[in-house]
Every structure is written in structure tokens, then in C-alpha cells.
Amino acid sequence: SLPRYIVRSYYNAGKPGCPGPGEAAHVRVVDLRSDTVTKPGPAMRQAMAQAEVGDDVMGEDPTVNELQKLAAEMFGMEASLFVPSGTMSNLIAVMVHCRERSDEMIVGDLSHMHIYEQGGSAQLAGVHATTVTTRPDGTFDLKQLESKIRHGYPDPHYPRTRLICVENTHNIQGGRVLPLPFLQEVRALADRYGLSVHMDGARLMNAAVALGVPPSSILQHMHTVSVCLSKGLGSPVGTMLAGPRDFISRAVRCRKAVGGGMRQAGVLAAAGKLSLLEMVGRLEDDHHNAKTFALALLDCEPSLFDVDMSAVETNILRFRIKDPALSPPEVCALMGQVGEGEEAALGQGVRVLMFPHYENSIRAVWHLGISPEDTQLAIKKMQFVAGQHLNSRT
């Protein structure tokens, strides 16, 4: 059986905090817990401070309107809507696609929508979810997917299948990029049965950068998409929901119902505009830094870590510990504290924050707050921890 700290303890790991008693003030914290920990830089804060605003619920915030037009054009969609969060965006998408209580959506069993969003689709929208098995690369078996589609409506025994959801990049599976042929096949299957396809594209821009294509090339196979601005793109708040014009007009109603109608939201939308216009290209740096760290794990002496390099496609890295005497929570604890003799060995104290994750692994995520120098410090820290562990066993 799996240890109890898998998936569901994902958000319960330690916080960065401040240096403890007697700990040097120059301790460097390298926060790899998530790309959600980013903070807006000076240019983004200035754009927010100078944003022209109005009442967005009345459709009168010019900066929000500009952001929505920009996002729709980038995604190749008719329209888009600025919403407070990715979880709300996915919920609204489900509410619009599945308009009747007891409608059903098909989701991956390891998807963010299924595991991390509190069952909001059932709780708030009355939508039932059935799952397909998520493969290591984030895709599904299409025959299994087809077998999950309900037939015979209005037979009183069954819900009605309305929606298929995919996730790109795939969070739990380590930032995997869904292949374009897979998305094309999912859309063809959906079209055959009159279903809609929604993409939880929280990290869609990471997928686009990894594939070297514009986001619209990925989204041509989707009916709707949700794209976070608050991860690697660096905005403090916000997600874009995009799709056909009539879908977005219904989404505006749903956003209001779930409490997401914001007023002078241009202060936030100004950050979002900067994210889409200036922050996409730099995602490549995050991907490079993640690969650099992953390769260093493989080269580490003693050989303590197991990494599948073919799975390191974007900014998320999952790796395992080979030594059964050392658990992921123990490694994360050692990485997150300044060990005895560390400052002498490394020249400074380094705290690297990571999460124990799914299937006895550790998850680390790169973002705009993590430089190549930070990555090298994290590598040195990992080598130090591995060396200390070896010494403790001899």
C-alpha cells in the first residue's frame, strides 16, 4: 500500500518561515514548492499601480477588456473571461458545459480537477465525474475513454455524458506535455458522440514553449480552456477562461453566481497583460533549470536518486529516493533545514523547499523566482545531504 503522505498531503508540507534561533541571517531559501509562490516584480507592480480601471461587472474596465481580447487572440478562441483562480475557472467551465444537475464529465483519475478542487463540480454544480486512468505521460487510453461515455439518455438510471476534461501540462505526472495527436484523437472522439472537450491548461504556456508552437496550435483541438496567469507567468492573481462567444456569455453568469464578479479588476488585469506579453518566453529558463537539477541528481555521489529524464519536459520535476531507509518527507526535511557543518562546506546555509509527492516521490517546481545560481545552490545542498546520509550509514 502507498504511504499516507502521497497526493493528499501535497499542500501540507512546511512553510519557508524565517531563520531560526542562532541561524545566520544570510541563509538562502530556494523555494521549489510550486510556481505559485512567484511575486510580481517592479515592472508588474508599476503596471498595476498605473492601470486604467472601471467597473468590470458592468463591462467597463478597459484593462480587463484589453486582457480578455489579448488572451482570446493568443488562444485562437472567440472570447475569454478573466476570473480570480484556476479552480473557479474550471468550475465555471463545467457549469456551462454541463447545464443540468446529474450531467457527467469524464476526467483523469490523477487530474487536478478530480483531486485538488474539493469536488466542486459535484458540490456546487451537481455534476457527476467518472474517471479514466491517467497514464504516466498524462494521456488516457482512448478505448477506455470511449467505454466511459454513457448512452441511452433519457434512461432514468444513468447520468448524461457531456464533457471530457484533459490537463496540460499534467501536474501530478510531473509537468508532462500532452502530445498534439492525442488531443486531436480526443477531439475526434468527442465530436463523434456530441461531447465537449475542456482543457485545464493551468500551465498551457509551458506546454506551448516545450513544443515550440503557439498556444492556439494546441487549443485548436479544444472547445474551451482555462489558463493560469499566477504560476510561471508571474501574475499575483488570475486565470483566463476562453472559448466560443456564447460559452463565455454563459460563463459570465456562472462567475457571478460563484462570487467571482470583480469590480475595478484592471489593477490585476494589468499584471495579466504583462504576463501574456512579456513572461511567456522566459518559461524556457525554468525548463532548462529543472533539467539541470535533474541531471545533477543522476550524477550525484552516492547514487541516491532515481530520475526519468524523458519525463522532465517542463518546469516540474518528480524524482524518487533509491534508499528505502530514507523517505521523501525525511529528504524534504533535511533539504529544508541548515545542517551541521553545512555553512563551512557550502559557504552559506541553504534551505531548499520541496514537497513529498505522489507515489513515494519528491516534487520540485521551477519558476521566475529561481535563478540558475539558485539551481546550483540547490544542487550543492542535495549533494551535501546525500553525503551526510552516506556518512551516517558508514
Protein backbone atom coordinates (compact mmCIF):
# COMPACT_ATOMS: atom_id res chain seq x y z
CA SER A 1 0.00 0.00 0.00
CA LEU A 2 1.10 3.56 -0.66
CA PRO A 3 2.44 5.69 2.19
CA ARG A 4 -0.12 8.06 3.67
CA TYR A 5 1.79 11.19 2.60
CA ILE A 6 1.01 10.75 -1.11
CA VAL A 7 -1.16 13.09 -3.16
CA ARG A 8 -3.48 14.30 -0.44
CA SER A 9 -0.71 15.75 1.73
CA TYR A 10 0.52 17.79 -1.24
CA TYR A 11 -0.27 21.18 0.28
CA ASN A 12 0.57 20.28 3.88
CA ALA A 13 4.37 20.46 3.81
CA GLY A 14 6.37 23.03 5.74
CA LYS A 15 6.39 26.77 5.14
CA PRO A 16 9.57 28.73 4.41
CA GLY A 17 9.44 30.83 7.58
CA CYS A 18 12.40 32.87 8.84
CA PRO A 19 15.84 31.82 10.04
CA GLY A 20 15.52 30.03 13.36
CA PRO A 21 17.30 30.94 16.61
CA GLY A 22 21.03 31.15 16.01
CA GLU A 23 20.57 30.63 12.28
CA ALA A 24 22.53 33.05 10.13
CA ALA A 25 20.54 35.83 8.50
CA HIS A 26 22.31 35.15 5.20
CA VAL A 27 20.70 31.72 4.81
CA ARG A 28 19.47 31.40 1.22
CA VAL A 29 15.97 30.00 0.68
CA VAL A 30 15.35 28.28 -2.65
CA ASP A 31 11.59 27.76 -2.79
CA LEU A 32 10.74 24.91 -5.16
CA ARG A 33 7.37 24.06 -3.60
CA SER A 34 5.38 25.45 -6.53
CA ASP A 35 5.39 28.03 -9.31
CA THR A 36 2.52 29.67 -7.43
CA VAL A 37 4.95 31.28 -4.96
CA THR A 38 6.16 33.87 -7.50
CA LYS A 39 5.87 37.56 -6.67
CA PRO A 40 5.27 40.45 -9.08
CA GLY A 41 8.44 42.34 -9.98
CA PRO A 42 8.89 46.13 -10.16
CA ALA A 43 7.63 46.46 -13.78
CA MET A 44 4.50 44.45 -12.98
CA ARG A 45 3.82 46.40 -9.80
CA GLN A 46 4.21 49.65 -11.73
CA ALA A 47 1.79 48.45 -14.42
CA MET A 48 -0.71 47.54 -11.69
CA ALA A 49 -0.33 50.91 -9.98
CA GLN A 50 -0.91 52.80 -13.23
CA ALA A 51 -3.74 50.64 -14.59
CA GLU A 52 -6.78 52.39 -16.01
CA VAL A 53 -9.80 50.86 -14.30
CA GLY A 54 -13.61 50.79 -14.33
CA ASP A 55 -16.39 48.52 -13.08
CA ASP A 56 -15.77 45.14 -14.70
CA VAL A 57 -19.15 43.68 -13.66
CA MET A 58 -20.63 46.42 -15.85
CA GLY A 59 -18.09 45.60 -18.57
CA GLU A 60 -16.43 48.98 -18.13
CA ASP A 61 -12.89 48.11 -17.02
CA PRO A 62 -10.73 48.93 -20.06
CA THR A 63 -7.70 46.98 -18.81
CA VAL A 64 -9.75 43.83 -18.18
CA ASN A 65 -11.32 44.20 -21.63
CA GLU A 66 -7.87 44.53 -23.22
CA LEU A 67 -6.61 41.44 -21.36
CA GLN A 68 -9.64 39.40 -22.43
CA LYS A 69 -9.20 40.41 -26.07
CA LEU A 70 -5.47 39.66 -25.93
CA ALA A 71 -5.99 36.21 -24.38
CA ALA A 72 -8.71 35.24 -26.87
CA GLU A 73 -6.46 36.18 -29.79
CA MET A 74 -3.46 34.30 -28.36
CA PHE A 75 -5.53 31.19 -27.71
CA GLY A 76 -7.33 31.26 -31.07
CA MET A 77 -10.70 31.47 -29.28
CA GLU A 78 -13.66 33.76 -29.92
CA ALA A 79 -13.69 35.26 -26.43
CA SER A 80 -12.19 34.99 -22.96
CA LEU A 81 -13.05 35.88 -19.36
CA PHE A 82 -10.79 37.00 -16.50
CA VAL A 83 -11.55 35.06 -13.31
CA PRO A 84 -9.89 35.02 -9.88
CA SER A 85 -8.50 31.46 -9.91
CA GLY A 86 -7.92 28.30 -11.91
CA THR A 87 -10.20 26.30 -9.64
CA MET A 88 -13.05 28.77 -10.21
CA SER A 89 -12.32 28.81 -13.93
CA ASN A 90 -12.56 25.02 -14.21
CA LEU A 91 -15.74 25.01 -12.12
CA ILE A 92 -17.35 27.64 -14.36
CA ALA A 93 -16.38 25.62 -17.46
CA VAL A 94 -18.05 22.53 -16.01
CA MET A 95 -21.17 24.55 -15.07
CA VAL A 96 -21.52 25.90 -18.60
CA HIS A 97 -20.82 22.63 -20.42
CA CYS A 98 -22.96 20.54 -18.03
CA ARG A 99 -26.09 22.63 -17.58
CA GLU A 100 -28.34 20.11 -15.87
CA ARG A 101 -27.86 18.54 -12.49
CA SER A 102 -26.71 14.91 -12.86
CA ASP A 103 -24.86 15.61 -16.11
CA GLU A 104 -21.48 13.85 -16.16
CA MET A 105 -17.91 14.72 -17.06
CA ILE A 106 -15.02 12.34 -17.75
CA VAL A 107 -11.74 13.27 -16.06
CA GLY A 108 -8.36 11.64 -15.45
CA ASP A 109 -8.11 9.90 -12.07
CA LEU A 110 -4.94 11.90 -11.31
CA SER A 111 -6.18 15.20 -12.67
CA HIS A 112 -6.10 18.44 -10.69
CA MET A 113 -9.85 18.84 -11.24
CA HIS A 114 -10.51 15.44 -9.67
CA ILE A 115 -8.05 15.53 -6.77
CA TYR A 116 -7.32 19.12 -5.74
CA GLU A 117 -10.53 21.07 -6.38
CA GLN A 118 -12.61 19.72 -3.47
CA GLY A 119 -15.13 18.01 -5.71
CA GLY A 120 -16.53 21.44 -6.50
CA SER A 121 -18.23 20.21 -9.66
CA ALA A 122 -20.38 17.84 -7.60
CA GLN A 123 -20.59 20.07 -4.55
CA LEU A 124 -21.63 23.27 -6.32
CA ALA A 125 -22.74 22.31 -9.83
CA GLY A 126 -24.39 18.92 -9.27
CA VAL A 127 -22.14 17.37 -11.93
CA HIS A 128 -21.02 13.77 -11.56
CA ALA A 129 -17.46 12.77 -12.50
CA THR A 130 -16.33 9.43 -13.85
CA THR A 131 -12.62 8.75 -14.21
CA VAL A 132 -10.25 7.23 -16.72
CA THR A 133 -6.79 6.00 -15.80
CA THR A 134 -4.11 8.66 -16.19
CA ARG A 135 -1.06 7.22 -17.92
CA PRO A 136 2.49 8.32 -16.91
CA ASP A 137 2.60 10.85 -19.76
CA GLY A 138 -0.72 12.44 -18.73
CA THR A 139 -2.76 10.87 -21.54
CA PHE A 140 -5.62 8.32 -21.44
CA ASP A 141 -6.28 5.08 -23.25
CA LEU A 142 -8.82 6.13 -25.87
CA LYS A 143 -10.67 2.82 -25.81
CA GLN A 144 -11.13 3.17 -22.05
CA LEU A 145 -12.22 6.78 -22.55
CA GLU A 146 -14.81 5.72 -25.12
CA SER A 147 -16.08 2.99 -22.80
CA LYS A 148 -16.88 5.61 -20.15
CA ILE A 149 -19.31 7.50 -22.39
CA ARG A 150 -22.92 6.86 -21.30
CA HIS A 151 -25.58 6.04 -23.85
CA GLY A 152 -29.35 5.73 -23.81
CA TYR A 153 -30.40 9.13 -22.39
CA PRO A 154 -33.05 9.68 -21.03
CA ASP A 155 -32.81 6.24 -19.41
CA PRO A 156 -33.56 7.10 -15.73
CA HIS A 157 -30.63 5.05 -14.39
CA TYR A 158 -27.68 6.97 -15.77
CA PRO A 159 -26.24 10.46 -15.86
CA ARG A 160 -25.72 12.03 -19.29
CA THR A 161 -22.14 12.38 -20.51
CA ARG A 162 -21.48 15.96 -21.60
CA LEU A 163 -17.79 16.73 -21.19
CA ILE A 164 -14.25 15.33 -21.43
CA CYS A 165 -11.51 17.14 -19.47
CA VAL A 166 -7.77 16.99 -20.13
CA GLU A 167 -4.88 18.59 -18.25
CA ASN A 168 -1.87 20.20 -19.96
CA THR A 169 0.80 20.24 -18.64
CA HIS A 170 -0.06 17.41 -16.26
CA ASN A 171 0.71 18.40 -12.69
CA ILE A 172 0.84 15.10 -10.80
CA GLN A 173 2.66 13.33 -13.64
CA GLY A 174 5.50 15.85 -13.40
CA GLY A 175 4.66 18.61 -15.88
CA ARG A 176 4.12 16.26 -18.84
CA VAL A 177 3.11 17.84 -22.14
CA LEU A 178 0.14 16.20 -23.86
CA PRO A 179 1.06 15.21 -27.45
CA LEU A 180 -0.89 17.04 -30.16
CA PRO A 181 -2.01 13.78 -31.87
CA PHE A 182 -3.58 12.65 -28.57
CA LEU A 183 -5.54 15.91 -28.29
CA GLN A 184 -6.66 15.53 -31.91
CA GLU A 185 -7.89 11.99 -31.20
CA VAL A 186 -9.74 13.06 -28.05
CA ARG A 187 -11.49 15.82 -30.01
CA ALA A 188 -12.44 13.40 -32.82
CA LEU A 189 -13.91 11.02 -30.24
CA ALA A 190 -15.83 13.86 -28.59
CA ASP A 191 -17.18 15.06 -31.94
CA ARG A 192 -18.36 11.54 -32.76
CA TYR A 193 -20.54 11.49 -29.63
CA GLY A 194 -21.51 15.16 -29.46
CA LEU A 195 -19.39 15.93 -26.37
CA SER A 196 -17.34 18.99 -25.44
CA VAL A 197 -13.64 18.99 -24.52
CA HIS A 198 -12.24 21.33 -21.84
CA MET A 199 -8.56 21.72 -21.12
CA ASP A 200 -7.33 22.54 -17.65
CA GLY A 201 -4.41 24.41 -19.15
CA ALA A 202 -3.12 25.91 -15.91
CA ARG A 203 0.38 25.56 -17.40
CA LEU A 204 -0.61 25.66 -21.06
CA MET A 205 2.12 28.19 -21.84
CA ASN A 206 4.75 25.75 -20.50
CA ALA A 207 3.38 23.17 -22.94
CA ALA A 208 3.47 25.65 -25.84
CA VAL A 209 7.07 26.64 -25.07
CA ALA A 210 8.14 23.00 -24.70
CA LEU A 211 6.56 22.07 -28.05
CA GLY A 212 7.77 25.26 -29.75
CA VAL A 213 4.26 26.10 -31.02
CA PRO A 214 1.81 28.94 -30.32
CA PRO A 215 -0.91 28.08 -27.75
CA SER A 216 -3.54 28.26 -30.50
CA SER A 217 -1.94 25.20 -32.16
CA ILE A 218 -2.66 23.19 -29.01
CA LEU A 219 -6.10 24.69 -28.44
CA GLN A 220 -7.43 24.11 -31.96
CA HIS A 221 -8.46 20.69 -30.65
CA MET A 222 -10.31 22.07 -27.59
CA HIS A 223 -13.70 23.69 -27.16
CA THR A 224 -12.61 25.62 -24.05
CA VAL A 225 -9.52 26.23 -21.92
CA SER A 226 -8.51 27.60 -18.53
CA VAL A 227 -5.03 29.20 -18.37
CA CYS A 228 -3.42 30.45 -15.14
CA LEU A 229 -1.56 33.74 -15.08
CA SER A 230 -0.38 33.24 -11.50
CA LYS A 231 2.15 30.42 -11.98
CA GLY A 232 5.23 30.69 -14.19
CA LEU A 233 3.77 33.77 -15.87
CA GLY A 234 4.22 35.63 -12.59
CA SER A 235 0.91 37.43 -12.01
CA PRO A 236 -0.21 37.65 -8.37
CA VAL A 237 -3.80 36.59 -9.17
CA GLY A 238 -5.90 35.42 -12.06
CA THR A 239 -6.84 32.91 -14.74
CA MET A 240 -8.22 33.23 -18.25
CA LEU A 241 -11.18 31.11 -19.34
CA ALA A 242 -11.58 31.04 -23.11
CA GLY A 243 -13.95 29.53 -25.65
CA PRO A 244 -16.80 30.36 -28.03
CA ARG A 245 -18.61 33.66 -27.53
CA ASP A 246 -21.87 32.08 -26.32
CA PHE A 247 -19.90 29.90 -23.86
CA ILE A 248 -18.21 33.00 -22.39
CA SER A 249 -21.52 34.90 -22.08
CA ARG A 250 -22.87 31.99 -20.02
CA ALA A 251 -19.59 31.86 -18.10
CA VAL A 252 -20.08 35.49 -17.03
CA ARG A 253 -23.35 34.47 -15.36
CA CYS A 254 -21.73 31.49 -13.64
CA ARG A 255 -18.79 33.60 -12.46
CA LYS A 256 -21.24 35.96 -10.77
CA ALA A 257 -23.10 33.06 -9.14
CA VAL A 258 -19.95 31.62 -7.57
CA GLY A 259 -18.86 35.03 -6.27
CA GLY A 260 -16.23 35.86 -8.87
CA GLY A 261 -17.62 39.12 -10.22
CA MET A 262 -14.85 41.65 -9.52
CA ARG A 263 -15.14 45.43 -9.78
CA GLN A 264 -12.03 47.54 -10.56
CA ALA A 265 -10.17 44.40 -11.57
CA GLY A 266 -7.94 46.24 -14.04
CA VAL A 267 -5.36 46.53 -11.26
CA LEU A 268 -4.99 42.74 -11.54
CA ALA A 269 -5.58 42.54 -15.28
CA ALA A 270 -2.62 44.90 -15.88
CA ALA A 271 -0.39 42.21 -14.37
CA GLY A 272 -2.07 39.60 -16.57
CA LYS A 273 -1.38 41.61 -19.73
CA LEU A 274 2.30 41.80 -18.80
CA SER A 275 2.30 38.04 -18.14
CA LEU A 276 0.98 37.20 -21.61
CA LEU A 277 3.04 39.78 -23.48
CA GLU A 278 6.40 39.51 -21.73
CA MET A 279 6.65 36.44 -19.49
CA VAL A 280 5.98 33.51 -21.84
CA GLY A 281 9.44 33.35 -23.44
CA ARG A 282 11.22 33.12 -20.09
CA LEU A 283 9.44 29.84 -19.25
CA GLU A 284 12.23 28.20 -21.24
CA ASP A 285 14.64 29.23 -18.47
CA ASP A 286 12.55 27.33 -15.92
CA HIS A 287 12.55 24.23 -18.12
CA HIS A 288 16.33 24.47 -18.51
CA ASN A 289 16.91 24.90 -14.77
CA ALA A 290 14.68 21.91 -13.95
CA LYS A 291 16.64 19.72 -16.39
CA THR A 292 19.94 20.97 -14.95
CA PHE A 293 18.86 19.92 -11.46
CA ALA A 294 17.52 16.58 -12.71
CA LEU A 295 20.81 15.74 -14.45
CA ALA A 296 22.72 16.66 -11.29
CA LEU A 297 20.57 14.21 -9.31
CA LEU A 298 21.62 11.43 -11.67
CA ASP A 299 25.29 12.41 -11.30
CA CYS A 300 25.09 12.66 -7.50
CA GLU A 301 27.55 10.55 -5.49
CA PRO A 302 26.45 8.46 -3.71
CA SER A 303 23.80 7.45 -6.26
CA LEU A 304 20.75 8.16 -4.14
CA PHE A 305 18.17 9.45 -6.63
CA ASP A 306 16.09 7.95 -9.42
CA VAL A 307 15.04 10.30 -12.24
CA ASP A 308 13.33 9.51 -15.54
CA MET A 309 14.86 12.21 -17.77
CA SER A 310 12.37 11.52 -20.58
CA ALA A 311 9.64 12.75 -18.22
CA VAL A 312 11.39 16.07 -17.46
CA GLU A 313 9.68 18.13 -20.14
CA THR A 314 8.85 21.43 -18.45
CA ASN A 315 9.32 23.13 -15.06
CA ILE A 316 8.09 20.32 -12.79
CA LEU A 317 10.42 17.56 -11.63
CA ARG A 318 9.44 14.36 -9.82
CA PHE A 319 12.19 12.11 -8.51
CA ARG A 320 12.48 9.17 -6.15
CA ILE A 321 14.87 8.05 -3.42
CA LYS A 322 16.62 4.74 -4.07
CA ASP A 323 17.48 4.06 -0.42
CA PRO A 324 14.45 2.61 1.42
CA ALA A 325 15.98 3.86 4.69
CA LEU A 326 15.30 7.45 3.58
CA SER A 327 11.74 8.61 2.92
CA PRO A 328 10.63 11.62 0.81
CA PRO A 329 9.41 13.53 3.91
CA GLU A 330 12.82 12.97 5.55
CA VAL A 331 14.69 14.20 2.48
CA CYS A 332 12.43 17.27 2.26
CA ALA A 333 13.03 17.97 5.96
CA LEU A 334 16.83 17.70 5.54
CA MET A 335 16.74 19.93 2.46
CA GLY A 336 14.63 22.49 4.27
CA GLN A 337 16.94 22.99 7.26
CA VAL A 338 20.53 24.13 7.63
CA GLY A 339 22.54 21.05 8.60
CA GLU A 340 25.52 20.81 10.91
CA GLY A 341 28.71 21.74 9.07
CA GLU A 342 26.78 22.97 6.06
CA GLU A 343 27.91 26.59 6.12
CA ALA A 344 31.54 25.50 6.32
CA ALA A 345 31.06 23.07 3.44
CA LEU A 346 28.93 25.27 1.15
CA GLY A 347 29.99 28.75 2.25
CA GLN A 348 26.46 29.57 3.42
CA GLY A 349 23.32 27.98 4.75
CA VAL A 350 20.84 26.88 2.09
CA ARG A 351 17.23 25.86 2.65
CA VAL A 352 15.60 24.15 -0.34
CA LEU A 353 11.84 23.78 -0.01
CA MET A 354 10.15 20.87 -1.80
CA PHE A 355 7.12 18.61 -1.33
CA PRO A 356 6.80 14.87 -0.74
CA HIS A 357 4.55 13.83 -3.59
CA TYR A 358 2.58 11.12 -5.31
CA GLU A 359 3.85 7.50 -5.33
CA ASN A 360 6.72 7.95 -2.90
CA SER A 361 8.34 10.75 -4.90
CA ILE A 362 9.50 14.32 -4.32
CA ARG A 363 8.23 17.24 -6.39
CA ALA A 364 10.22 20.37 -7.22
CA VAL A 365 8.98 23.22 -9.41
CA TRP A 366 11.00 25.97 -11.11
CA HIS A 367 9.67 29.47 -11.67
CA LEU A 368 10.75 33.07 -12.23
CA GLY A 369 11.94 33.40 -8.62
CA ILE A 370 14.59 30.71 -9.15
CA SER A 371 17.75 31.70 -11.00
CA PRO A 372 20.46 29.44 -12.44
CA GLU A 373 22.53 30.39 -9.35
CA ASP A 374 19.70 29.25 -7.06
CA THR A 375 19.55 26.00 -9.01
CA GLN A 376 23.28 25.44 -8.48
CA LEU A 377 22.86 26.13 -4.75
CA ALA A 378 20.04 23.58 -4.62
CA ILE A 379 22.30 21.06 -6.35
CA LYS A 380 25.09 21.67 -3.83
CA LYS A 381 22.62 21.30 -0.99
CA MET A 382 21.34 18.00 -2.40
CA GLN A 383 24.92 16.72 -2.76
CA PHE A 384 25.62 17.78 0.83
CA VAL A 385 22.52 15.97 2.13
CA ALA A 386 23.42 12.84 0.14
CA GLY A 387 26.97 12.93 1.50
CA GLN A 388 25.75 13.37 5.09
CA HIS A 389 23.39 10.44 4.67
CA LEU A 390 26.23 8.26 3.37
CA ASN A 391 28.44 9.25 6.30
CA SER A 392 25.69 8.46 8.80
CA ARG A 393 25.46 4.92 7.45
CA THR A 394 29.18 4.09 7.49
